[in-house]
Protein backbone atom coordinates (compact mmCIF):
# COMPACT_ATOMS: atom_id res chain seq x y z
CA MET A 1 208.90 326.61 130.38
CA THR A 2 207.28 322.93 131.89
CA ASP A 3 210.20 320.69 132.86
CA LEU A 4 210.12 318.50 129.70
CA THR A 5 211.48 315.34 131.93
CA ASN A 6 209.00 314.84 134.17
CA LEU A 7 206.03 314.54 131.55
CA THR A 8 204.52 311.25 131.23
CA ILE A 9 204.10 309.93 127.29
CA SER A 10 200.68 310.75 127.43
CA ASP A 11 201.33 314.45 128.42
CA ALA A 12 203.97 314.93 125.89
CA LEU A 13 202.14 314.16 123.14
CA LYS A 14 199.45 316.22 123.95
CA GLY A 15 201.90 318.86 124.11
CA LEU A 16 203.88 317.98 121.09
CA ASP A 17 200.30 318.64 119.47
CA ALA A 18 199.74 321.34 120.68
CA LYS A 19 202.73 322.94 119.52
CA ASP A 20 203.82 323.88 123.29
CA PHE A 21 207.11 322.53 122.48
CA THR A 22 209.04 320.68 119.91
CA ALA A 23 210.43 316.77 119.70
CA VAL A 24 213.65 318.40 119.27
CA GLU A 25 213.17 320.30 122.72
CA LEU A 26 212.03 316.96 124.50
CA THR A 27 214.48 315.46 123.03
CA GLN A 28 217.29 317.53 123.68
CA ALA A 29 215.79 317.84 127.51
CA HIS A 30 216.56 314.60 128.26
CA ILE A 31 219.84 314.46 126.30
CA ASP A 32 220.77 316.90 128.73
CA ALA A 33 219.21 315.46 131.94
CA GLY A 34 221.37 311.99 130.29
CA GLU A 35 224.35 314.05 130.82
CA ALA A 36 224.16 315.40 134.55
CA ALA A 37 222.97 311.68 135.51
CA LYS A 38 226.12 309.88 133.47
CA GLY A 39 227.20 308.62 137.27
CA LEU A 40 224.27 306.22 137.08
CA ASN A 41 225.98 304.54 133.92
CA ALA A 42 222.65 303.78 133.32
CA TYR A 43 223.58 303.67 129.48
CA ILE A 44 226.10 301.57 127.74
CA THR A 45 226.04 303.46 124.32
CA GLU A 46 224.48 307.28 123.71
CA THR A 47 223.28 308.56 120.52
CA PRO A 48 222.56 311.87 120.90
CA GLU A 49 222.99 313.16 117.24
CA LEU A 50 220.92 310.13 116.01
CA ALA A 51 218.06 311.41 118.59
CA ILE A 52 218.44 314.79 117.21
CA GLU A 53 218.22 313.75 114.05
CA GLN A 54 215.22 311.32 114.58
CA ALA A 55 212.97 314.43 115.95
CA LYS A 56 214.01 317.05 113.56
CA ALA A 57 212.12 314.07 111.07
CA SER A 58 209.53 313.89 113.86
CA ASP A 59 208.70 317.53 113.82
CA ALA A 60 208.80 317.75 110.18
CA ARG A 61 206.12 315.37 109.73
CA ARG A 62 203.94 316.70 112.75
CA ALA A 63 204.17 319.33 110.73
CA ALA A 64 202.81 317.46 107.75
CA GLY A 65 200.09 316.53 109.37
CA LYS A 66 201.76 312.50 109.56
CA ALA A 67 202.85 312.24 113.07
CA GLY A 68 202.80 308.45 114.30
CA ALA A 69 201.25 307.29 117.43
CA LEU A 70 204.56 308.15 119.57
CA ASP A 71 206.54 310.61 117.52
CA GLY A 72 208.99 312.71 118.94
CA ILE A 73 208.91 310.64 122.46
CA PRO A 74 212.40 309.79 123.62
CA LEU A 75 213.22 306.02 124.55
CA ALA A 76 215.90 304.09 125.93
CA ILE A 77 216.55 301.08 124.25
CA LYS A 78 217.89 297.81 126.29
CA ASP A 79 221.32 296.95 124.42
CA LEU A 80 219.63 293.15 123.68
CA PHE A 81 217.73 294.49 120.98
CA CYS A 82 220.01 294.70 117.58
CA THR A 83 219.84 298.16 115.89
CA ASP A 84 220.80 298.82 112.43
CA GLY A 85 224.13 301.02 112.26
CA VAL A 86 224.29 301.13 116.22
CA GLN A 87 227.08 299.29 118.72
CA THR A 88 224.86 296.34 120.21
CA THR A 89 226.86 294.65 122.98
CA ALA A 90 224.40 292.42 125.39
CA ALA A 91 226.52 294.53 127.81
CA SER A 92 228.87 291.52 127.25
CA HIS A 93 232.69 291.97 126.14
CA ILE A 94 232.56 289.22 123.80
CA LEU A 95 229.88 291.42 121.66
CA GLU A 96 231.60 294.43 122.33
CA GLY A 97 232.09 296.51 119.15
CA PHE A 98 229.48 294.58 117.20
CA VAL A 99 227.37 296.91 115.05
CA PRO A 100 224.28 295.00 113.30
CA GLN A 101 223.33 295.93 109.60
CA TYR A 102 219.58 295.20 111.07
CA GLU A 103 217.14 296.26 113.16
CA SER A 104 214.97 294.30 115.57
CA THR A 105 211.38 294.33 114.47
CA VAL A 106 210.66 295.42 118.01
CA THR A 107 212.61 298.87 117.67
CA ALA A 108 211.83 298.92 114.03
CA ASN A 109 208.22 298.96 114.99
CA LEU A 110 208.63 301.77 117.59
CA PHE A 111 210.59 303.89 114.85
CA ALA A 112 207.94 303.34 112.33
CA ASP A 113 205.94 305.04 114.60
CA GLY A 114 208.17 307.82 115.26
CA ALA A 115 209.96 306.91 118.26
CA VAL A 116 213.57 308.34 119.16
CA MET A 117 216.56 306.45 120.63
CA LEU A 118 218.48 308.11 123.30
CA GLY A 119 220.77 305.85 123.64
CA LYS A 120 221.55 301.69 124.38
CA ALA A 121 220.64 300.99 127.95
CA ASN A 122 222.77 298.77 130.01
CA LEU A 123 222.04 295.51 131.35
CA ASP A 124 223.08 291.95 133.35
CA GLU A 125 225.04 290.58 130.79
CA PHE A 126 223.41 288.35 128.41
CA ALA A 127 220.39 289.63 130.63
CA MET A 128 221.71 286.99 133.41
CA GLY A 129 221.24 287.93 136.59
CA SER A 130 219.04 289.97 138.92
CA ALA A 131 220.58 293.21 139.91
CA ASN A 132 222.53 295.02 137.40
CA THR A 133 225.94 293.64 138.78
CA THR A 134 227.47 291.53 136.04
CA SER A 135 227.82 293.92 132.68
CA TYR A 136 230.84 294.00 131.40
CA PHE A 137 230.60 298.03 131.67
CA GLY A 138 229.79 298.35 134.90
CA ASN A 139 226.80 298.25 137.15
CA VAL A 140 224.03 300.20 137.15
CA ILE A 141 222.85 302.38 140.08
CA ASN A 142 219.47 303.09 141.05
CA PRO A 143 218.44 306.83 141.29
CA TRP A 144 216.85 306.03 144.43
CA THR A 145 218.89 306.13 147.69
CA ARG A 146 218.33 305.60 151.55
CA GLU A 147 219.95 307.03 154.74
CA ASP A 148 223.13 305.25 154.62
CA GLY A 149 224.32 306.64 151.61
CA LYS A 150 224.92 303.18 149.59
CA ASP A 151 224.49 302.55 145.95
CA LEU A 152 221.23 300.67 145.61
CA VAL A 153 220.97 298.22 142.53
CA PRO A 154 218.08 299.20 140.25
CA GLY A 155 216.91 295.44 139.76
CA GLY A 156 217.99 292.77 136.49
CA SER A 157 218.01 292.37 134.13
CA SER A 158 216.73 295.28 132.35
CA GLY A 159 218.31 297.74 135.18
CA GLY A 160 219.29 300.27 133.05
CA SER A 161 215.91 300.85 131.09
CA ALA A 162 214.44 300.85 134.83
CA ALA A 163 216.43 303.56 135.99
CA ALA A 164 216.73 305.73 133.39
CA VAL A 165 213.10 306.08 133.30
CA ALA A 166 213.06 306.57 137.28
CA ALA A 167 215.47 309.20 136.56
CA ARG A 168 213.41 310.98 134.05
CA ILE A 169 216.22 310.68 131.67
CA ALA A 170 213.78 308.87 129.36
CA MET A 171 210.13 309.22 129.10
CA GLY A 172 209.65 304.87 128.55
CA ALA A 173 212.23 302.18 127.81
CA THR A 174 212.18 298.94 126.05
CA GLY A 175 212.77 295.85 128.32
CA THR A 176 212.93 291.90 128.15
CA ASP A 177 211.61 289.71 131.11
CA THR A 178 212.95 285.76 130.82
CA GLY A 179 212.05 285.37 135.14
CA GLY A 180 211.63 288.67 136.14
CA SER A 181 213.68 291.61 134.37
CA ILE A 182 210.83 293.90 133.39
CA ARG A 183 208.78 293.36 136.89
CA GLN A 184 211.68 293.22 139.49
CA PRO A 185 213.95 296.11 138.34
CA ALA A 186 210.14 298.27 137.95
CA ALA A 187 209.41 297.42 141.63
CA PHE A 188 213.21 298.66 142.73
CA CYS A 189 212.99 301.84 140.67
CA GLY A 190 209.43 302.87 141.18
CA ILE A 191 207.96 302.70 137.77
CA SER A 192 205.84 300.26 135.45
CA GLY A 193 206.57 297.76 134.03
CA ILE A 194 205.09 295.00 131.86
CA LYS A 195 205.72 291.29 130.32
CA PRO A 196 203.45 290.40 127.87
CA THR A 197 202.25 287.16 127.01
CA TYR A 198 205.28 284.75 125.36
CA GLY A 199 204.85 285.81 121.59
CA ARG A 200 202.99 289.04 121.97
CA CYS A 201 206.24 290.84 120.64
CA SER A 202 208.99 289.29 118.27
CA ARG A 203 211.78 287.92 119.53
CA TRP A 204 213.88 288.92 116.24
CA GLY A 205 216.12 290.81 116.26
CA THR A 206 216.82 290.49 120.04
CA VAL A 207 220.00 288.67 121.81
CA ALA A 208 218.63 285.49 123.37
CA PHE A 209 219.16 284.20 126.68
CA ALA A 210 216.44 281.35 127.17
CA SER A 211 214.36 281.21 123.86
CA SER A 212 211.37 279.42 125.38
CA LEU A 213 211.06 282.44 128.21
CA ASP A 214 212.41 285.60 126.51
CA GLN A 215 209.83 288.15 126.11
CA ALA A 216 210.11 291.99 125.03
CA GLY A 217 208.15 294.27 127.64
CA THR A 218 208.23 298.18 128.12
CA PHE A 219 208.77 300.32 131.22
CA ALA A 220 207.23 304.10 131.64
CA ARG A 221 206.00 306.07 134.60
CA SER A 222 202.37 305.26 134.24
CA VAL A 223 200.07 302.24 133.12
CA GLU A 224 198.70 304.72 130.39
CA ASP A 225 202.31 305.06 129.13
CA ASN A 226 203.03 301.40 128.88
CA ALA A 227 199.68 300.72 127.36
CA LEU A 228 200.84 303.23 124.10
CA LEU A 229 204.73 301.64 124.11
CA LEU A 230 203.28 297.85 124.03
CA GLN A 231 200.49 298.60 121.72
CA SER A 232 203.39 300.17 119.11
CA MET A 233 206.06 297.18 119.94
CA SER A 234 203.44 294.31 119.59
CA GLY A 235 202.13 292.26 116.53
CA PHE A 236 202.80 289.06 114.69
CA ASP A 237 205.81 288.90 112.87
CA PRO A 238 206.75 286.00 110.16
CA LYS A 239 210.35 286.09 110.53
CA ASP A 240 209.97 284.46 114.48
CA SER A 241 208.64 281.03 114.67
CA THR A 242 207.54 282.04 118.33
CA SER A 243 205.12 285.16 117.31
CA ALA A 244 201.67 284.60 117.64
CA ASP A 245 199.55 285.57 114.87
CA ILE A 246 196.79 287.17 117.30
CA ALA A 247 194.96 290.13 116.52
CA VAL A 248 196.48 293.70 118.82
CA PRO A 249 193.90 295.01 120.49
CA ASP A 250 193.50 298.81 122.14
CA PHE A 251 195.43 298.43 125.37
CA ALA A 252 194.64 302.25 126.32
CA GLY A 253 190.90 301.94 125.47
CA ALA A 254 191.06 298.94 128.13
CA LEU A 255 192.26 301.80 130.85
CA THR A 256 188.56 302.43 132.05
CA GLY A 257 189.71 302.24 135.91
CA ASP A 258 185.82 300.19 136.25
CA VAL A 259 186.80 296.87 137.99
CA LYS A 260 183.43 296.49 139.61
CA GLY A 261 182.88 292.27 139.79
CA LEU A 262 186.19 292.10 138.59
CA ARG A 263 187.55 288.47 140.87
CA VAL A 264 191.24 289.21 142.00
CA GLY A 265 193.11 285.79 142.74
CA ILE A 266 195.02 285.72 146.14
CA PRO A 267 197.54 282.73 145.63
CA LYS A 268 198.27 280.97 149.03
CA GLU A 269 201.59 279.76 147.94
CA TYR A 270 202.98 283.52 147.63
CA LYS A 271 202.86 283.59 151.23
CA VAL A 272 206.50 282.58 151.51
CA GLU A 273 208.24 282.04 155.12
CA GLY A 274 209.86 284.80 155.73
CA MET A 275 208.35 287.55 153.92
CA PRO A 276 209.15 291.40 155.92
CA ALA A 277 205.74 292.61 157.41
CA GLU A 278 206.02 295.32 155.30
CA ILE A 279 205.88 294.15 151.86
CA GLU A 280 202.85 291.74 153.77
CA LYS A 281 200.69 294.91 154.87
CA LEU A 282 201.68 296.02 150.82
CA TRP A 283 199.92 293.16 149.81
CA GLU A 284 196.94 293.35 152.50
CA ASP A 285 196.90 297.15 151.59
CA GLY A 286 196.68 296.77 147.45
CA ILE A 287 193.75 293.66 148.30
CA ALA A 288 192.17 296.24 149.96
CA MET A 289 192.29 298.68 147.25
CA LEU A 290 191.10 296.74 144.85
CA LYS A 291 188.28 295.53 147.24
CA ASP A 292 187.06 298.87 147.92
CA ALA A 293 187.03 299.73 144.07
CA GLY A 294 184.37 296.73 143.43
CA ALA A 295 186.75 293.72 142.97
CA GLN A 296 185.92 290.43 144.56
CA ILE A 297 189.03 288.67 146.10
CA VAL A 298 189.10 285.11 146.02
CA ASP A 299 191.83 283.01 147.75
CA ILE A 300 193.47 280.26 144.94
CA SER A 301 196.01 277.72 145.33
CA LEU A 302 199.20 277.49 142.81
CA PRO A 303 200.28 273.96 144.36
CA HIS A 304 203.33 273.95 142.55
CA THR A 305 205.04 277.11 142.89
CA LYS A 306 207.23 276.16 145.19
CA TYR A 307 208.71 273.99 141.80
CA ALA A 308 208.94 276.94 140.03
CA LEU A 309 212.43 278.75 140.78
CA PRO A 310 214.16 275.20 140.60
CA THR A 311 212.65 274.45 137.12
CA TYR A 312 213.65 277.90 135.96
CA TYR A 313 217.07 277.47 136.74
CA ILE A 314 217.42 274.23 134.80
CA ILE A 315 215.38 275.04 131.98
CA ALA A 316 217.22 278.78 131.38
CA PRO A 317 220.67 277.65 131.41
CA ALA A 318 220.09 274.86 129.43
CA GLU A 319 218.52 277.61 126.97
CA CYS A 320 221.37 279.45 127.60
CA SER A 321 224.14 277.01 126.94
CA SER A 322 222.50 276.65 123.62
CA ASN A 323 222.14 279.73 122.19
CA LEU A 324 225.30 281.23 123.83
CA ALA A 325 227.32 278.55 121.62
CA ARG A 326 227.24 280.46 118.53
CA TYR A 327 229.59 282.89 120.30
CA ASP A 328 232.67 281.27 119.10
CA GLY A 329 234.71 284.06 117.95
CA VAL A 330 234.80 283.03 114.19
CA ARG A 331 231.67 284.87 112.64
CA PHE A 332 231.22 288.10 115.18
CA GLY A 333 232.27 289.60 118.34
CA GLN A 334 235.56 289.35 120.05
CA ARG A 335 237.99 286.79 119.12
CA VAL A 336 241.33 285.87 121.30
CA GLU A 337 243.62 283.83 118.61
CA GLY A 338 245.44 280.28 119.14
CA GLU A 339 247.27 277.84 118.21
CA ASP A 340 244.46 276.03 116.73
CA LEU A 341 240.66 276.27 116.51
CA ASN A 342 239.84 274.85 119.69
CA GLU A 343 242.32 276.98 121.70
CA MET A 344 240.62 279.67 119.95
CA TYR A 345 237.26 279.07 120.86
CA SER A 346 238.66 278.19 124.13
CA LYS A 347 240.00 281.83 124.78
CA THR A 348 237.72 283.69 122.90
CA ARG A 349 235.08 282.17 125.43
CA ALA A 350 237.27 282.51 128.46
CA GLU A 351 238.08 286.11 127.79
CA GLY A 352 234.69 287.14 126.28
CA PHE A 353 231.99 286.01 128.88
CA GLY A 354 231.56 287.34 132.16
CA ASP A 355 231.70 284.91 135.47
CA GLU A 356 227.91 284.83 135.71
CA VAL A 357 227.35 283.84 132.01
CA LYS A 358 229.90 280.89 132.29
CA ARG A 359 228.65 279.78 135.57
CA ARG A 360 224.80 279.58 133.73
CA ILE A 361 226.43 277.72 130.47
CA MET A 362 228.42 275.07 132.59
CA ILE A 363 224.80 274.73 134.40
CA GLY A 364 222.82 274.51 130.73
CA THR A 365 225.79 272.21 129.76
CA TYR A 366 225.99 269.61 132.24
CA ALA A 367 221.78 269.72 132.48
CA LEU A 368 221.67 268.59 128.77
CA SER A 369 224.65 266.62 128.50
CA ALA A 370 224.25 262.49 127.65
CA GLY A 371 222.57 260.73 131.09
CA TYR A 372 221.18 264.01 132.58
CA TYR A 373 219.09 265.43 129.88
CA ASP A 374 215.82 263.34 131.15
CA ALA A 375 216.78 263.47 134.50
CA TYR A 376 216.88 267.02 134.42
CA TYR A 377 215.91 269.22 131.58
CA ILE A 378 212.95 266.43 130.37
CA LYS A 379 211.87 266.57 133.97
CA ALA A 380 211.98 270.13 134.25
CA GLN A 381 209.91 270.90 130.70
CA LYS A 382 207.08 268.48 132.37
CA VAL A 383 207.08 270.35 136.07
CA ARG A 384 206.77 273.54 133.99
CA ARG A 385 203.76 272.09 132.06
CA LEU A 386 202.37 271.39 135.83
CA ILE A 387 202.83 275.37 136.61
CA ALA A 388 201.24 276.04 133.53
CA GLN A 389 198.47 273.76 134.70
CA ASP A 390 198.13 275.25 137.97
CA PHE A 391 197.40 279.05 136.76
CA ASP A 392 194.74 277.02 134.00
CA LYS A 393 193.08 276.20 136.69
CA ALA A 394 193.32 279.12 139.02
CA TYR A 395 191.44 281.17 136.12
CA GLU A 396 188.72 279.51 136.27
CA GLN A 397 188.01 281.12 139.63
CA CYS A 398 189.60 284.13 139.07
CA ASP A 399 190.23 286.72 136.29
CA VAL A 400 193.68 288.07 137.32
CA ILE A 401 195.88 287.21 140.29
CA LEU A 402 197.61 289.47 142.42
CA THR A 403 201.00 289.23 144.28
CA PRO A 404 204.30 291.36 145.71
CA THR A 405 206.21 291.79 143.02
CA ALA A 406 209.59 291.49 144.82
CA PRO A 407 210.14 290.56 148.70
CA SER A 408 211.72 293.58 149.37
CA ALA A 409 212.73 297.17 148.32
CA ALA A 410 216.32 297.72 146.51
CA PHE A 411 219.17 296.54 148.17
CA ALA A 412 223.14 297.81 148.35
CA ILE A 413 224.96 296.59 145.94
CA GLY A 414 226.66 293.74 146.56
CA GLU A 415 224.93 293.50 150.04
CA ASN A 416 223.11 289.83 149.23
CA GLU A 417 225.31 288.39 146.97
CA GLY A 418 226.32 286.39 150.27
CA ASP A 419 222.66 285.25 151.28
CA PRO A 420 221.44 282.81 148.81
CA ILE A 421 217.91 282.86 150.96
CA LYS A 422 217.31 286.38 150.10
CA MET A 423 218.45 286.01 146.48
CA TYR A 424 216.42 283.10 145.59
CA LEU A 425 213.09 284.86 147.39
CA ASN A 426 214.12 287.56 144.81
CA ASP A 427 212.32 285.91 142.27
CA VAL A 428 210.25 284.03 143.87
CA PHE A 429 206.97 286.23 142.65
CA THR A 430 207.79 286.47 138.93
CA VAL A 431 209.31 283.44 137.65
CA PRO A 432 206.36 280.86 137.92
CA ALA A 433 204.28 283.61 134.84
CA SER A 434 207.33 283.39 132.92
CA LEU A 435 207.70 279.76 133.28
CA ALA A 436 203.90 279.55 131.73
CA GLY A 437 204.19 282.68 129.68
CA LEU A 438 201.65 284.63 131.14
CA PRO A 439 201.31 288.25 131.22
CA GLY A 440 202.45 290.03 134.38
CA MET A 441 202.68 294.17 134.96
CA SER A 442 204.39 295.87 137.87
CA ILE A 443 203.14 299.23 139.57
CA PRO A 444 204.45 300.94 142.58
CA THR A 445 201.87 301.05 145.42
CA GLY A 446 203.86 302.47 148.01
CA LEU A 447 207.38 302.83 150.18
CA ASP A 448 209.40 300.85 152.96
CA ALA A 449 210.76 302.21 155.64
CA ASN A 450 213.55 303.38 154.27
CA GLY A 451 211.33 305.41 151.98
CA LEU A 452 212.36 303.01 149.09
CA PRO A 453 209.35 302.20 146.35
CA LEU A 454 207.36 298.68 146.62
CA GLY A 455 205.75 297.49 143.76
CA MET A 456 202.46 294.95 142.83
CA GLN A 457 202.42 292.51 140.51
CA ILE A 458 199.39 291.82 138.23
CA LEU A 459 199.05 288.46 136.60
CA GLY A 460 196.41 287.89 133.78
CA LYS A 461 195.62 285.16 131.61
CA ALA A 462 197.11 284.31 128.45
CA TRP A 463 196.66 287.18 125.68
CA ASP A 464 194.62 289.38 128.03
CA GLU A 465 196.40 292.21 128.72
CA GLU A 466 193.82 293.97 128.67
CA THR A 467 192.37 292.80 132.07
CA VAL A 468 195.97 293.55 133.19
CA PHE A 469 196.05 296.82 132.30
CA ARG A 470 192.50 297.62 133.43
CA THR A 471 193.59 296.50 136.91
CA ALA A 472 196.58 297.85 137.53
CA PHE A 473 195.17 301.60 135.69
CA ALA A 474 192.65 301.05 139.10
CA LEU A 475 195.22 300.08 141.14
CA GLU A 476 197.79 302.91 140.17
CA LYS A 477 194.75 305.64 140.95
CA ALA A 478 194.27 303.80 144.45
CA ALA A 479 197.26 303.97 145.38
CA ASN A 480 198.39 307.62 143.72
CA PHE A 481 202.13 306.57 144.11
CA THR A 482 203.84 310.26 143.65
CA ALA A 483 207.32 309.58 145.09
CA LEU A 484 210.17 310.68 143.30
CA PRO A 485 214.06 309.57 143.49
CA GLN A 486 215.59 312.05 145.96
CA SER A 487 218.19 313.27 143.82
CA ILE A 488 215.19 314.39 141.15
CA VAL A 489 213.91 316.41 144.47
CA ARG A 490 216.81 317.87 145.27
CA GLN A 491 217.24 318.83 141.62
CA ALA A 492 213.75 320.30 141.79
CA ALA A 493 214.61 322.38 144.87
């Protein structure tokens, strides 16, 4: 029988329609694969019983001719999306044991289309991190390996989602992207991932980190699969004041493979000092692939790029300090008793939050405090507007922008934590588009000298995910990236 864990979502839907296998068989195959890959720590909470129950209902709908767009497709749900009756932790001790009595809009949309939930995927605590090493429930391990045998990070914050898809223990996954938390893990794990325009997917029922930046998106093993998932997740939600009442186009319909005449912008500011030669070559190869496909290459400038990271690290912590004030031990989550209310607050937050979360709360509180609000937060918001205007001006010359996703392949756990320059560069390509609220997608296009995947990033105009998908599909076809994590290759052998 066909290895059901190695199918794309598109192929699985065709197989289900043709009755080559059932949703229960497809789901059970992924549950079994997940059992064999527990060492990756990709899930915080596994839901095999619920998954089989959902799969049985899916088979019944398909037999009755009432199958939804994603009926029977087993997914991993990042543990930042509230799921009715299933623990939601945001990878934090302070929310351990919290079971929502409501469903996030994103997961409700997916389940309405028949998707199956395999479990809640691990992440950096409250989505704060770039390596998935800050989770209270332990770090996630990338399924890719290198010769020295050290465990590699899957990227963050959505590392569990990316690792699950790459390891073939989920067909697709939800993620959130605040400053690159979908695109960077996708690149590190050799899969595709998209952050849509801010406001395209509802944030209702999603645990907040930085409200003006957080945006739900998808992971999958092909551009087409991402288009199918994002189609289901997107749409206006009156429960979310930041949700845009804009029609959702047919994303899969944009996958024509035709990029003739498309103007592809290459920003000179992204050619940062110290960029590894293999990343520069990857970029040149990507440019050549699109040029060969008929695209027009245009040099552009994004002059305020150098201010993006410092701007991000003022705005995001400021918003996180406000959002995380709700975790006080009174209403929900963990509580540590004290002699009075203030001591209870203090002890609960000290024990409930990890070091990285505490650090960002303190930075954000400082930036919002009297005497510093104008000097830091307001100034950062002004610079953010300038960064957005840079993109507006650039898109007068081009239709999409092409850059590397990250300046390196996945690194070993703990390897770069003492090197601030490397950690700085880690987010330099992804943060600017997040500040501007623009759609961005990462697709794998090559391997580094250690046999680890490298990704290219395509950035689009606001509300123009169609052109992002169109370009990504053409680049995917030209790159023909077929490499698999070494553990999967060994299992197949």
